[in-house]
Amino acid sequence: MAASGAGDSLMLRTALSLSRYFHRPQVKRPSPFAYRVSPYRVFTQICHKQRLARRAAGCHNQSLMHEGSITVRLSADLREVDRLNRVIRQFGDLHEVPSRVLYAVNLALDEVVTNVVRHGFDDAKDQEVVARLSVVAGEVSTEVSDGGRAFNPLEAAPPNLDAPLSERTLGGLGIHLVRSLMDSVEYRRDGGKNVLTLRKRIR
């Protein structure tokens, strides 16, 4: 009986050692639906790659741009400015806006929206800022509207950039920057809202 038990034990160990050569564990493959990517994001990435390829080949010109528009509604919160910047970059890639023009538009809108959020409302809770971007006839135009206090930034006195820092008055630098970046800046009060329109020609 002892010899039989030893033999059974040896056979069991041998079978276990050999099993790893014949057993193939099944690998669970991920479902093709496990990763969902926004079609818009895929399309913008393709457009971005095509744009880079054309730029590298030196064949970018105004006729390649696609006309279109987008409206972005932002809560009156400084954290929303980052989201606006991302939307502007995606919009520029999608519509083939030259990088130098897109940079100027992005910087100007960043300044305008930041100023509205910081100074435009007595109480910014539940308030919003609406930015509309469009590419039409070789021009990028943006319109920023808000329901804050009536304020025309174009009436602000231009800053004296030659004066010493200790003698300069606060304010005015932001709209000075916006004016220097854009080809035209217009303000109107419409339906109880401030509306600032910025235009940048694509040369």
N, C-alpha and C. Protein backbone atom coordinates (compact mmCIF):
# COMPACT_ATOMS: atom_id res chain seq x y z
N MET A 1 0.84 -1.21 0.00
CA MET A 1 0.00 0.00 0.00
C MET A 1 0.87 1.26 0.00
N ALA A 2 1.98 1.20 0.77
CA ALA A 2 2.88 2.35 0.84
C ALA A 2 3.48 2.64 -0.51
N ALA A 3 3.87 1.53 -1.23
CA ALA A 3 4.46 1.73 -2.56
C ALA A 3 3.45 2.31 -3.53
N SER A 4 2.20 1.82 -3.42
CA SER A 4 1.15 2.34 -4.29
C SER A 4 0.89 3.82 -4.03
N GLY A 5 0.88 4.19 -2.72
CA GLY A 5 0.64 5.60 -2.37
C GLY A 5 1.76 6.49 -2.89
N ALA A 6 3.01 6.02 -2.80
CA ALA A 6 4.14 6.81 -3.29
C ALA A 6 4.06 6.98 -4.80
N GLY A 7 3.62 5.88 -5.47
CA GLY A 7 3.50 5.96 -6.93
C GLY A 7 2.44 6.94 -7.35
N ASP A 8 1.28 6.92 -6.64
CA ASP A 8 0.20 7.87 -6.96
C ASP A 8 0.67 9.30 -6.75
N SER A 9 1.42 9.52 -5.67
CA SER A 9 1.90 10.87 -5.38
C SER A 9 2.86 11.34 -6.46
N LEU A 10 3.73 10.44 -6.93
CA LEU A 10 4.67 10.80 -7.99
C LEU A 10 3.94 11.11 -9.29
N MET A 11 2.90 10.31 -9.59
CA MET A 11 2.14 10.55 -10.82
C MET A 11 1.41 11.90 -10.76
N LEU A 12 0.89 12.24 -9.57
CA LEU A 12 0.17 13.50 -9.42
C LEU A 12 1.09 14.69 -9.63
N ARG A 13 2.31 14.61 -9.04
CA ARG A 13 3.27 15.72 -9.19
C ARG A 13 3.70 15.85 -10.64
N THR A 14 3.88 14.70 -11.29
CA THR A 14 4.28 14.74 -12.70
C THR A 14 3.19 15.36 -13.57
N ALA A 15 1.93 14.99 -13.29
CA ALA A 15 0.81 15.53 -14.06
C ALA A 15 0.70 17.04 -13.86
N LEU A 16 0.90 17.50 -12.63
CA LEU A 16 0.80 18.94 -12.36
C LEU A 16 1.92 19.72 -13.04
N SER A 17 3.12 19.14 -13.04
CA SER A 17 4.24 19.82 -13.67
C SER A 17 4.08 19.89 -15.18
N LEU A 18 3.46 18.86 -15.77
CA LEU A 18 3.27 18.86 -17.23
C LEU A 18 2.08 19.71 -17.67
N SER A 19 1.16 19.93 -16.74
CA SER A 19 -0.07 20.62 -17.12
C SER A 19 0.20 22.05 -17.60
N ARG A 20 1.28 22.67 -17.09
CA ARG A 20 1.54 24.04 -17.49
C ARG A 20 1.99 24.16 -18.94
N TYR A 21 2.45 23.05 -19.52
CA TYR A 21 2.87 23.07 -20.92
C TYR A 21 1.68 22.88 -21.87
N PHE A 22 0.62 22.31 -21.37
CA PHE A 22 -0.53 22.02 -22.23
C PHE A 22 -1.72 22.95 -21.97
N HIS A 23 -1.72 23.58 -20.79
CA HIS A 23 -2.86 24.45 -20.43
C HIS A 23 -2.59 25.87 -20.94
N ARG A 24 -3.48 26.39 -21.67
CA ARG A 24 -3.38 27.75 -22.17
C ARG A 24 -4.51 28.59 -21.58
N PRO A 25 -4.17 29.43 -20.63
CA PRO A 25 -5.24 30.25 -20.03
C PRO A 25 -5.86 31.16 -21.06
N GLN A 26 -7.17 31.30 -21.00
CA GLN A 26 -7.89 32.15 -21.94
C GLN A 26 -7.71 33.62 -21.55
N VAL A 27 -7.29 34.41 -22.50
CA VAL A 27 -7.11 35.83 -22.27
C VAL A 27 -8.40 36.56 -22.64
N LYS A 28 -8.90 37.29 -21.71
CA LYS A 28 -10.14 38.02 -21.95
C LYS A 28 -9.84 39.27 -22.77
N ARG A 29 -10.35 39.30 -23.97
CA ARG A 29 -10.11 40.43 -24.84
C ARG A 29 -11.15 41.52 -24.59
N PRO A 30 -10.69 42.77 -24.59
CA PRO A 30 -11.65 43.86 -24.35
C PRO A 30 -12.65 43.98 -25.48
N SER A 31 -13.83 44.33 -25.11
CA SER A 31 -14.88 44.54 -26.10
C SER A 31 -14.53 45.73 -26.98
N PRO A 32 -14.85 45.66 -28.28
CA PRO A 32 -14.57 46.82 -29.14
C PRO A 32 -15.38 48.05 -28.75
N PHE A 33 -16.40 47.86 -27.90
CA PHE A 33 -17.22 48.98 -27.46
C PHE A 33 -16.79 49.50 -26.09
N ALA A 34 -15.64 48.93 -25.57
CA ALA A 34 -15.23 49.32 -24.22
C ALA A 34 -14.70 50.75 -24.19
N TYR A 35 -14.14 51.21 -25.29
CA TYR A 35 -13.57 52.55 -25.34
C TYR A 35 -14.38 53.40 -26.32
N ARG A 36 -15.02 54.39 -25.78
CA ARG A 36 -15.86 55.24 -26.61
C ARG A 36 -15.16 56.60 -26.77
N VAL A 37 -14.93 57.01 -27.99
CA VAL A 37 -14.28 58.27 -28.28
C VAL A 37 -15.25 59.15 -29.06
N SER A 38 -15.30 60.41 -28.67
CA SER A 38 -16.21 61.34 -29.34
C SER A 38 -15.85 61.46 -30.82
N PRO A 39 -16.83 61.29 -31.73
CA PRO A 39 -16.56 61.47 -33.16
C PRO A 39 -16.01 62.85 -33.46
N TYR A 40 -16.49 63.88 -32.74
CA TYR A 40 -15.99 65.24 -32.96
C TYR A 40 -14.52 65.33 -32.61
N ARG A 41 -14.12 64.64 -31.52
CA ARG A 41 -12.71 64.68 -31.12
C ARG A 41 -11.84 63.97 -32.15
N VAL A 42 -12.32 62.85 -32.66
CA VAL A 42 -11.56 62.13 -33.69
C VAL A 42 -11.40 63.01 -34.92
N PHE A 43 -12.50 63.67 -35.33
CA PHE A 43 -12.47 64.51 -36.52
C PHE A 43 -11.50 65.68 -36.36
N THR A 44 -11.52 66.32 -35.17
CA THR A 44 -10.61 67.44 -34.95
C THR A 44 -9.16 66.99 -34.93
N GLN A 45 -8.89 65.79 -34.42
CA GLN A 45 -7.52 65.28 -34.43
C GLN A 45 -7.06 65.02 -35.86
N ILE A 46 -7.94 64.48 -36.69
CA ILE A 46 -7.59 64.26 -38.10
C ILE A 46 -7.31 65.58 -38.80
N CYS A 47 -8.18 66.56 -38.56
CA CYS A 47 -7.99 67.87 -39.18
C CYS A 47 -6.69 68.50 -38.72
N HIS A 48 -6.37 68.33 -37.43
CA HIS A 48 -5.14 68.90 -36.90
C HIS A 48 -3.92 68.27 -37.57
N LYS A 49 -3.93 66.96 -37.76
CA LYS A 49 -2.81 66.29 -38.42
C LYS A 49 -2.68 66.74 -39.87
N GLN A 50 -3.81 66.88 -40.55
CA GLN A 50 -3.77 67.35 -41.93
C GLN A 50 -3.25 68.78 -42.00
N ARG A 51 -3.65 69.58 -41.04
CA ARG A 51 -3.19 70.97 -41.02
C ARG A 51 -1.69 71.04 -40.81
N LEU A 52 -1.17 70.22 -39.89
CA LEU A 52 0.28 70.20 -39.65
C LEU A 52 1.03 69.75 -40.89
N ALA A 53 0.47 68.76 -41.59
CA ALA A 53 1.12 68.27 -42.81
C ALA A 53 1.16 69.36 -43.87
N ARG A 54 0.05 70.11 -44.04
CA ARG A 54 0.04 71.18 -45.04
C ARG A 54 0.98 72.31 -44.65
N ARG A 55 1.04 72.59 -43.34
CA ARG A 55 1.93 73.66 -42.89
C ARG A 55 3.38 73.28 -43.13
N ALA A 56 3.71 72.01 -42.88
CA ALA A 56 5.08 71.54 -43.12
C ALA A 56 5.44 71.62 -44.60
N ALA A 57 4.43 71.42 -45.46
CA ALA A 57 4.67 71.49 -46.90
C ALA A 57 4.62 72.92 -47.43
N GLY A 58 4.28 73.87 -46.55
CA GLY A 58 4.25 75.27 -46.95
C GLY A 58 3.09 75.63 -47.85
N CYS A 59 1.99 74.91 -47.75
CA CYS A 59 0.87 75.17 -48.66
C CYS A 59 -0.36 75.68 -47.94
N HIS A 60 -0.19 76.24 -46.73
CA HIS A 60 -1.36 76.78 -46.04
C HIS A 60 -1.72 78.14 -46.62
N ASN A 61 -2.96 78.35 -46.93
CA ASN A 61 -3.41 79.66 -47.37
C ASN A 61 -4.86 79.86 -46.96
N GLN A 62 -5.33 81.08 -47.17
CA GLN A 62 -6.67 81.46 -46.69
C GLN A 62 -7.77 80.64 -47.32
N SER A 63 -7.58 80.18 -48.57
CA SER A 63 -8.64 79.45 -49.26
C SER A 63 -8.91 78.09 -48.65
N LEU A 64 -8.00 77.60 -47.79
CA LEU A 64 -8.19 76.29 -47.18
C LEU A 64 -9.11 76.36 -45.96
N MET A 65 -9.42 77.56 -45.47
CA MET A 65 -10.23 77.68 -44.27
C MET A 65 -11.68 77.30 -44.55
N HIS A 66 -12.32 76.81 -43.50
CA HIS A 66 -13.72 76.44 -43.59
C HIS A 66 -14.55 77.44 -42.79
N GLU A 67 -15.57 78.00 -43.40
CA GLU A 67 -16.42 78.94 -42.68
C GLU A 67 -17.32 78.18 -41.71
N GLY A 68 -17.62 78.81 -40.60
CA GLY A 68 -18.47 78.18 -39.59
C GLY A 68 -18.50 79.02 -38.33
N SER A 69 -19.27 78.58 -37.35
CA SER A 69 -19.41 79.34 -36.11
C SER A 69 -19.70 78.38 -34.96
N ILE A 70 -19.49 78.90 -33.75
CA ILE A 70 -19.77 78.12 -32.54
C ILE A 70 -20.14 79.10 -31.43
N THR A 71 -21.02 78.66 -30.54
CA THR A 71 -21.42 79.45 -29.38
C THR A 71 -21.05 78.68 -28.11
N VAL A 72 -20.38 79.37 -27.19
CA VAL A 72 -19.93 78.74 -25.95
C VAL A 72 -20.55 79.50 -24.78
N ARG A 73 -21.27 78.79 -23.94
CA ARG A 73 -21.87 79.39 -22.75
C ARG A 73 -21.01 79.03 -21.54
N LEU A 74 -20.57 80.05 -20.83
CA LEU A 74 -19.65 79.87 -19.71
C LEU A 74 -20.28 80.39 -18.43
N SER A 75 -20.12 79.64 -17.37
CA SER A 75 -20.49 80.16 -16.05
C SER A 75 -19.52 81.29 -15.69
N ALA A 76 -20.00 82.24 -14.91
CA ALA A 76 -19.15 83.36 -14.51
C ALA A 76 -18.17 82.88 -13.45
N ASP A 77 -17.21 82.08 -13.90
CA ASP A 77 -16.23 81.44 -13.02
C ASP A 77 -14.90 81.42 -13.78
N LEU A 78 -13.82 81.84 -13.14
CA LEU A 78 -12.53 81.91 -13.81
C LEU A 78 -12.05 80.55 -14.31
N ARG A 79 -12.54 79.48 -13.67
CA ARG A 79 -12.13 78.14 -14.13
C ARG A 79 -12.66 77.83 -15.52
N GLU A 80 -13.71 78.53 -15.93
CA GLU A 80 -14.30 78.31 -17.25
C GLU A 80 -13.41 78.87 -18.37
N VAL A 81 -12.48 79.75 -18.03
CA VAL A 81 -11.61 80.34 -19.04
C VAL A 81 -10.75 79.25 -19.70
N ASP A 82 -10.30 78.29 -18.92
CA ASP A 82 -9.51 77.18 -19.48
C ASP A 82 -10.33 76.40 -20.50
N ARG A 83 -11.59 76.17 -20.19
CA ARG A 83 -12.46 75.44 -21.14
C ARG A 83 -12.64 76.25 -22.42
N LEU A 84 -12.79 77.56 -22.28
CA LEU A 84 -12.92 78.41 -23.47
C LEU A 84 -11.66 78.33 -24.33
N ASN A 85 -10.49 78.33 -23.70
CA ASN A 85 -9.24 78.23 -24.46
C ASN A 85 -9.18 76.94 -25.26
N ARG A 86 -9.63 75.83 -24.65
CA ARG A 86 -9.61 74.55 -25.36
C ARG A 86 -10.57 74.56 -26.55
N VAL A 87 -11.75 75.15 -26.34
CA VAL A 87 -12.73 75.21 -27.42
C VAL A 87 -12.20 76.06 -28.58
N ILE A 88 -11.54 77.17 -28.27
CA ILE A 88 -11.00 78.03 -29.31
C ILE A 88 -9.94 77.29 -30.12
N ARG A 89 -9.08 76.55 -29.45
CA ARG A 89 -8.04 75.80 -30.18
C ARG A 89 -8.67 74.74 -31.08
N GLN A 90 -9.67 74.03 -30.57
CA GLN A 90 -10.34 73.02 -31.39
C GLN A 90 -11.07 73.66 -32.57
N PHE A 91 -11.69 74.80 -32.32
CA PHE A 91 -12.40 75.52 -33.38
C PHE A 91 -11.41 75.96 -34.46
N GLY A 92 -10.27 76.46 -34.03
CA GLY A 92 -9.26 76.90 -34.98
C GLY A 92 -8.71 75.77 -35.83
N ASP A 93 -8.47 74.61 -35.20
CA ASP A 93 -8.00 73.45 -35.94
C ASP A 93 -9.04 72.97 -36.95
N LEU A 94 -10.28 72.96 -36.51
CA LEU A 94 -11.36 72.47 -37.37
C LEU A 94 -11.56 73.35 -38.59
N HIS A 95 -11.38 74.67 -38.41
CA HIS A 95 -11.66 75.62 -39.49
C HIS A 95 -10.39 76.15 -40.16
N GLU A 96 -9.26 75.52 -39.88
CA GLU A 96 -8.01 75.86 -40.56
C GLU A 96 -7.60 77.32 -40.37
N VAL A 97 -7.80 77.85 -39.16
CA VAL A 97 -7.40 79.22 -38.87
C VAL A 97 -5.89 79.25 -38.64
N PRO A 98 -5.15 80.14 -39.28
CA PRO A 98 -3.70 80.22 -39.07
C PRO A 98 -3.36 80.41 -37.59
N SER A 99 -2.27 79.80 -37.17
CA SER A 99 -1.92 79.78 -35.75
C SER A 99 -1.71 81.17 -35.18
N ARG A 100 -1.12 82.09 -35.94
CA ARG A 100 -0.87 83.44 -35.41
C ARG A 100 -2.19 84.18 -35.16
N VAL A 101 -3.18 83.97 -36.04
CA VAL A 101 -4.49 84.59 -35.86
C VAL A 101 -5.21 83.96 -34.67
N LEU A 102 -5.14 82.64 -34.59
CA LEU A 102 -5.81 81.94 -33.49
C LEU A 102 -5.21 82.34 -32.15
N TYR A 103 -3.89 82.51 -32.10
CA TYR A 103 -3.23 82.94 -30.85
C TYR A 103 -3.75 84.30 -30.41
N ALA A 104 -3.86 85.24 -31.35
CA ALA A 104 -4.33 86.58 -31.01
C ALA A 104 -5.78 86.56 -30.52
N VAL A 105 -6.62 85.80 -31.20
CA VAL A 105 -8.03 85.70 -30.80
C VAL A 105 -8.15 85.07 -29.42
N ASN A 106 -7.40 84.01 -29.20
CA ASN A 106 -7.46 83.32 -27.91
C ASN A 106 -7.01 84.24 -26.78
N LEU A 107 -5.93 84.96 -26.99
CA LEU A 107 -5.42 85.86 -25.95
C LEU A 107 -6.40 86.99 -25.67
N ALA A 108 -6.98 87.56 -26.72
CA ALA A 108 -7.94 88.65 -26.54
C ALA A 108 -9.19 88.18 -25.80
N LEU A 109 -9.73 87.02 -26.20
CA LEU A 109 -10.92 86.49 -25.52
C LEU A 109 -10.62 86.14 -24.07
N ASP A 110 -9.46 85.59 -23.82
CA ASP A 110 -9.05 85.27 -22.44
C ASP A 110 -9.10 86.53 -21.59
N GLU A 111 -8.57 87.62 -22.09
CA GLU A 111 -8.54 88.89 -21.36
C GLU A 111 -9.95 89.43 -21.15
N VAL A 112 -10.77 89.42 -22.19
CA VAL A 112 -12.12 89.97 -22.10
C VAL A 112 -12.98 89.19 -21.10
N VAL A 113 -13.01 87.86 -21.24
CA VAL A 113 -13.85 87.04 -20.37
C VAL A 113 -13.36 87.11 -18.93
N THR A 114 -12.06 87.08 -18.73
CA THR A 114 -11.52 87.19 -17.37
C THR A 114 -11.94 88.51 -16.72
N ASN A 115 -11.89 89.59 -17.47
CA ASN A 115 -12.29 90.90 -16.95
C ASN A 115 -13.77 90.94 -16.60
N VAL A 116 -14.61 90.32 -17.45
CA VAL A 116 -16.05 90.29 -17.18
C VAL A 116 -16.33 89.51 -15.90
N VAL A 117 -15.72 88.35 -15.76
CA VAL A 117 -15.97 87.51 -14.59
C VAL A 117 -15.52 88.22 -13.31
N ARG A 118 -14.39 88.89 -13.36
CA ARG A 118 -13.84 89.52 -12.16
C ARG A 118 -14.56 90.81 -11.76
N HIS A 119 -15.00 91.58 -12.76
CA HIS A 119 -15.48 92.92 -12.45
C HIS A 119 -16.89 93.22 -12.96
N GLY A 120 -17.50 92.33 -13.72
CA GLY A 120 -18.74 92.68 -14.38
C GLY A 120 -20.01 92.51 -13.57
N PHE A 121 -19.95 91.75 -12.48
CA PHE A 121 -21.18 91.41 -11.75
C PHE A 121 -21.09 91.83 -10.29
N ASP A 122 -22.23 92.27 -9.76
CA ASP A 122 -22.30 92.48 -8.31
C ASP A 122 -22.25 91.14 -7.60
N ASP A 123 -22.91 90.15 -8.17
CA ASP A 123 -22.89 88.78 -7.64
C ASP A 123 -22.82 87.84 -8.84
N ALA A 124 -21.68 87.16 -8.99
CA ALA A 124 -21.45 86.31 -10.17
C ALA A 124 -22.18 84.97 -10.10
N LYS A 125 -22.83 84.67 -8.96
CA LYS A 125 -23.52 83.39 -8.83
C LYS A 125 -24.66 83.30 -9.84
N ASP A 126 -24.71 82.16 -10.54
CA ASP A 126 -25.75 81.86 -11.53
C ASP A 126 -25.70 82.79 -12.75
N GLN A 127 -24.62 83.52 -12.91
CA GLN A 127 -24.48 84.38 -14.09
C GLN A 127 -23.68 83.62 -15.16
N GLU A 128 -23.79 84.07 -16.40
CA GLU A 128 -23.04 83.43 -17.47
C GLU A 128 -22.51 84.45 -18.46
N VAL A 129 -21.48 84.03 -19.17
CA VAL A 129 -20.89 84.82 -20.23
C VAL A 129 -20.99 83.99 -21.50
N VAL A 130 -21.46 84.60 -22.58
CA VAL A 130 -21.64 83.87 -23.84
C VAL A 130 -20.63 84.39 -24.86
N ALA A 131 -19.87 83.46 -25.43
CA ALA A 131 -18.89 83.81 -26.46
C ALA A 131 -19.28 83.13 -27.77
N ARG A 132 -19.34 83.90 -28.83
CA ARG A 132 -19.66 83.37 -30.16
C ARG A 132 -18.48 83.61 -31.09
N LEU A 133 -18.02 82.57 -31.73
CA LEU A 133 -16.91 82.67 -32.67
C LEU A 133 -17.39 82.29 -34.06
N SER A 134 -16.88 82.99 -35.06
CA SER A 134 -17.24 82.64 -36.43
C SER A 134 -16.08 82.96 -37.37
N VAL A 135 -16.00 82.18 -38.42
CA VAL A 135 -15.03 82.40 -39.50
C VAL A 135 -15.83 82.63 -40.77
N VAL A 136 -15.77 83.85 -41.30
CA VAL A 136 -16.53 84.21 -42.50
C VAL A 136 -15.70 85.18 -43.33
N ALA A 137 -15.61 84.89 -44.62
CA ALA A 137 -14.98 85.81 -45.59
C ALA A 137 -13.60 86.28 -45.15
N GLY A 138 -12.77 85.34 -44.75
CA GLY A 138 -11.39 85.69 -44.40
C GLY A 138 -11.25 86.49 -43.13
N GLU A 139 -12.18 86.33 -42.21
CA GLU A 139 -12.15 87.08 -40.95
C GLU A 139 -12.66 86.21 -39.81
N VAL A 140 -11.98 86.32 -38.67
CA VAL A 140 -12.47 85.67 -37.45
C VAL A 140 -13.12 86.75 -36.59
N SER A 141 -14.40 86.57 -36.29
CA SER A 141 -15.09 87.53 -35.44
C SER A 141 -15.57 86.82 -34.17
N THR A 142 -15.51 87.52 -33.07
CA THR A 142 -15.95 86.98 -31.80
C THR A 142 -16.85 87.99 -31.12
N GLU A 143 -17.86 87.51 -30.46
CA GLU A 143 -18.81 88.37 -29.75
C GLU A 143 -18.97 87.84 -28.34
N VAL A 144 -18.71 88.69 -27.36
CA VAL A 144 -18.82 88.32 -25.95
C VAL A 144 -19.95 89.14 -25.34
N SER A 145 -20.93 88.45 -24.77
CA SER A 145 -22.06 89.15 -24.16
C SER A 145 -22.23 88.70 -22.71
N ASP A 146 -22.68 89.62 -21.87
CA ASP A 146 -22.91 89.31 -20.46
C ASP A 146 -24.00 90.21 -19.92
N GLY A 147 -24.65 89.76 -18.86
CA GLY A 147 -25.72 90.51 -18.24
C GLY A 147 -25.28 91.30 -17.04
N GLY A 148 -24.02 91.68 -17.00
CA GLY A 148 -23.49 92.45 -15.88
C GLY A 148 -23.81 93.93 -15.97
N ARG A 149 -23.15 94.70 -15.11
CA ARG A 149 -23.36 96.15 -15.11
C ARG A 149 -22.97 96.74 -16.46
N ALA A 150 -23.70 97.76 -16.88
CA ALA A 150 -23.37 98.42 -18.15
C ALA A 150 -21.98 99.01 -18.05
N PHE A 151 -21.13 98.63 -19.02
CA PHE A 151 -19.75 99.13 -19.00
C PHE A 151 -19.18 99.05 -20.40
N ASN A 152 -18.71 100.19 -20.89
CA ASN A 152 -18.08 100.26 -22.19
C ASN A 152 -16.56 100.37 -21.98
N PRO A 153 -15.83 99.29 -22.19
CA PRO A 153 -14.39 99.34 -21.95
C PRO A 153 -13.65 100.26 -22.92
N LEU A 154 -14.28 100.58 -24.06
CA LEU A 154 -13.62 101.44 -25.04
C LEU A 154 -13.56 102.89 -24.57
N GLU A 155 -14.34 103.22 -23.54
CA GLU A 155 -14.31 104.58 -23.01
C GLU A 155 -13.20 104.77 -21.98
N ALA A 156 -12.53 103.69 -21.61
CA ALA A 156 -11.44 103.80 -20.64
C ALA A 156 -10.28 104.57 -21.24
N ALA A 157 -9.66 105.41 -20.44
CA ALA A 157 -8.53 106.20 -20.92
C ALA A 157 -7.36 105.27 -21.24
N PRO A 158 -6.67 105.51 -22.34
CA PRO A 158 -5.52 104.66 -22.67
C PRO A 158 -4.44 104.79 -21.62
N PRO A 159 -3.77 103.71 -21.29
CA PRO A 159 -2.72 103.76 -20.25
C PRO A 159 -1.50 104.53 -20.75
N ASN A 160 -0.86 105.23 -19.83
CA ASN A 160 0.38 105.93 -20.15
C ASN A 160 1.54 104.97 -19.93
N LEU A 161 1.96 104.33 -20.99
CA LEU A 161 3.00 103.31 -20.87
C LEU A 161 4.38 103.91 -20.65
N ASP A 162 4.51 105.23 -20.84
CA ASP A 162 5.81 105.88 -20.65
C ASP A 162 6.01 106.36 -19.21
N ALA A 163 4.92 106.39 -18.44
CA ALA A 163 5.04 106.88 -17.07
C ALA A 163 5.71 105.84 -16.18
N PRO A 164 6.38 106.27 -15.11
CA PRO A 164 6.97 105.30 -14.16
C PRO A 164 5.87 104.45 -13.54
N LEU A 165 6.21 103.26 -13.13
CA LEU A 165 5.22 102.34 -12.57
C LEU A 165 4.50 102.95 -11.37
N SER A 166 5.22 103.72 -10.57
CA SER A 166 4.61 104.30 -9.37
C SER A 166 3.56 105.35 -9.70
N GLU A 167 3.59 105.89 -10.93
CA GLU A 167 2.66 106.95 -11.31
C GLU A 167 1.53 106.46 -12.21
N ARG A 168 1.56 105.20 -12.60
CA ARG A 168 0.53 104.69 -13.50
C ARG A 168 -0.75 104.38 -12.73
N THR A 169 -1.88 104.67 -13.37
CA THR A 169 -3.17 104.34 -12.76
C THR A 169 -3.53 102.89 -13.07
N LEU A 170 -4.34 102.32 -12.19
CA LEU A 170 -4.76 100.94 -12.39
C LEU A 170 -5.79 100.87 -13.51
N GLY A 171 -5.80 99.77 -14.24
CA GLY A 171 -6.79 99.54 -15.28
C GLY A 171 -6.34 100.09 -16.62
N GLY A 172 -7.05 99.64 -17.65
CA GLY A 172 -6.78 100.13 -18.99
C GLY A 172 -5.82 99.29 -19.79
N LEU A 173 -4.99 98.50 -19.12
CA LEU A 173 -4.01 97.69 -19.85
C LEU A 173 -4.68 96.56 -20.62
N GLY A 174 -5.74 95.97 -20.03
CA GLY A 174 -6.40 94.84 -20.67
C GLY A 174 -7.02 95.21 -22.01
N ILE A 175 -7.81 96.28 -22.04
CA ILE A 175 -8.45 96.68 -23.30
C ILE A 175 -7.41 97.21 -24.28
N HIS A 176 -6.32 97.79 -23.77
CA HIS A 176 -5.22 98.22 -24.64
C HIS A 176 -4.61 97.01 -25.35
N LEU A 177 -4.44 95.92 -24.61
CA LEU A 177 -3.91 94.69 -25.20
C LEU A 177 -4.87 94.16 -26.26
N VAL A 178 -6.16 94.14 -25.93
CA VAL A 178 -7.16 93.62 -26.87
C VAL A 178 -7.16 94.44 -28.15
N ARG A 179 -7.13 95.76 -28.01
CA ARG A 179 -7.12 96.63 -29.19
C ARG A 179 -5.88 96.41 -30.05
N SER A 180 -4.75 96.17 -29.41
CA SER A 180 -3.52 95.97 -30.17
C SER A 180 -3.52 94.63 -30.90
N LEU A 181 -4.28 93.66 -30.39
CA LEU A 181 -4.33 92.33 -31.01
C LEU A 181 -5.35 92.26 -32.14
N MET A 182 -6.44 93.00 -32.01
CA MET A 182 -7.54 92.90 -32.97
C MET A 182 -7.48 94.01 -34.02
N ASP A 183 -8.15 93.79 -35.14
CA ASP A 183 -8.26 94.82 -36.17
C ASP A 183 -9.38 95.80 -35.85
N SER A 184 -10.42 95.34 -35.16
CA SER A 184 -11.49 96.26 -34.75
C SER A 184 -12.14 95.72 -33.47
N VAL A 185 -12.56 96.65 -32.62
CA VAL A 185 -13.25 96.30 -31.38
C VAL A 185 -14.45 97.24 -31.26
N GLU A 186 -15.65 96.68 -31.07
CA GLU A 186 -16.87 97.48 -30.99
C GLU A 186 -17.67 97.07 -29.75
N TYR A 187 -18.34 98.08 -29.15
CA TYR A 187 -19.17 97.81 -27.97
C TYR A 187 -20.58 98.34 -28.23
N ARG A 188 -21.56 97.60 -27.70
CA ARG A 188 -22.94 98.09 -27.70
C ARG A 188 -23.67 97.50 -26.49
N ARG A 189 -24.69 98.19 -26.07
CA ARG A 189 -25.59 97.70 -25.01
C ARG A 189 -26.86 97.25 -25.70
N ASP A 190 -27.18 95.96 -25.58
CA ASP A 190 -28.29 95.40 -26.34
C ASP A 190 -29.13 94.50 -25.44
N GLY A 191 -30.40 94.89 -25.22
CA GLY A 191 -31.31 94.07 -24.40
C GLY A 191 -30.82 93.85 -22.98
N GLY A 192 -30.25 94.89 -22.40
CA GLY A 192 -29.77 94.78 -21.03
C GLY A 192 -28.46 94.02 -20.90
N LYS A 193 -27.75 93.80 -22.00
CA LYS A 193 -26.49 93.06 -21.98
C LYS A 193 -25.37 93.89 -22.59
N ASN A 194 -24.17 93.68 -22.07
CA ASN A 194 -22.97 94.24 -22.69
C ASN A 194 -22.57 93.30 -23.83
N VAL A 195 -22.30 93.86 -25.00
CA VAL A 195 -21.88 93.06 -26.14
C VAL A 195 -20.60 93.67 -26.72
N LEU A 196 -19.53 92.91 -26.69
CA LEU A 196 -18.25 93.36 -27.22
C LEU A 196 -17.90 92.49 -28.42
N THR A 197 -17.68 93.12 -29.57
CA THR A 197 -17.38 92.39 -30.81
C THR A 197 -15.94 92.65 -31.22
N LEU A 198 -15.21 91.57 -31.44
CA LEU A 198 -13.80 91.65 -31.84
C LEU A 198 -13.66 91.04 -33.23
N ARG A 199 -12.86 91.67 -34.07
CA ARG A 199 -12.64 91.14 -35.43
C ARG A 199 -11.14 91.09 -35.71
N LYS A 200 -10.76 89.99 -36.36
CA LYS A 200 -9.35 89.80 -36.75
C LYS A 200 -9.32 89.29 -38.18
N ARG A 201 -8.75 90.08 -39.08
CA ARG A 201 -8.64 89.66 -40.48
C ARG A 201 -7.53 88.62 -40.63
N ILE A 202 -7.76 87.72 -41.56
CA ILE A 202 -6.79 86.67 -41.83
C ILE A 202 -6.02 87.07 -43.08
N ARG A 203 -4.75 87.39 -42.89
CA ARG A 203 -3.93 87.88 -44.00
C ARG A 203 -3.07 86.75 -44.53
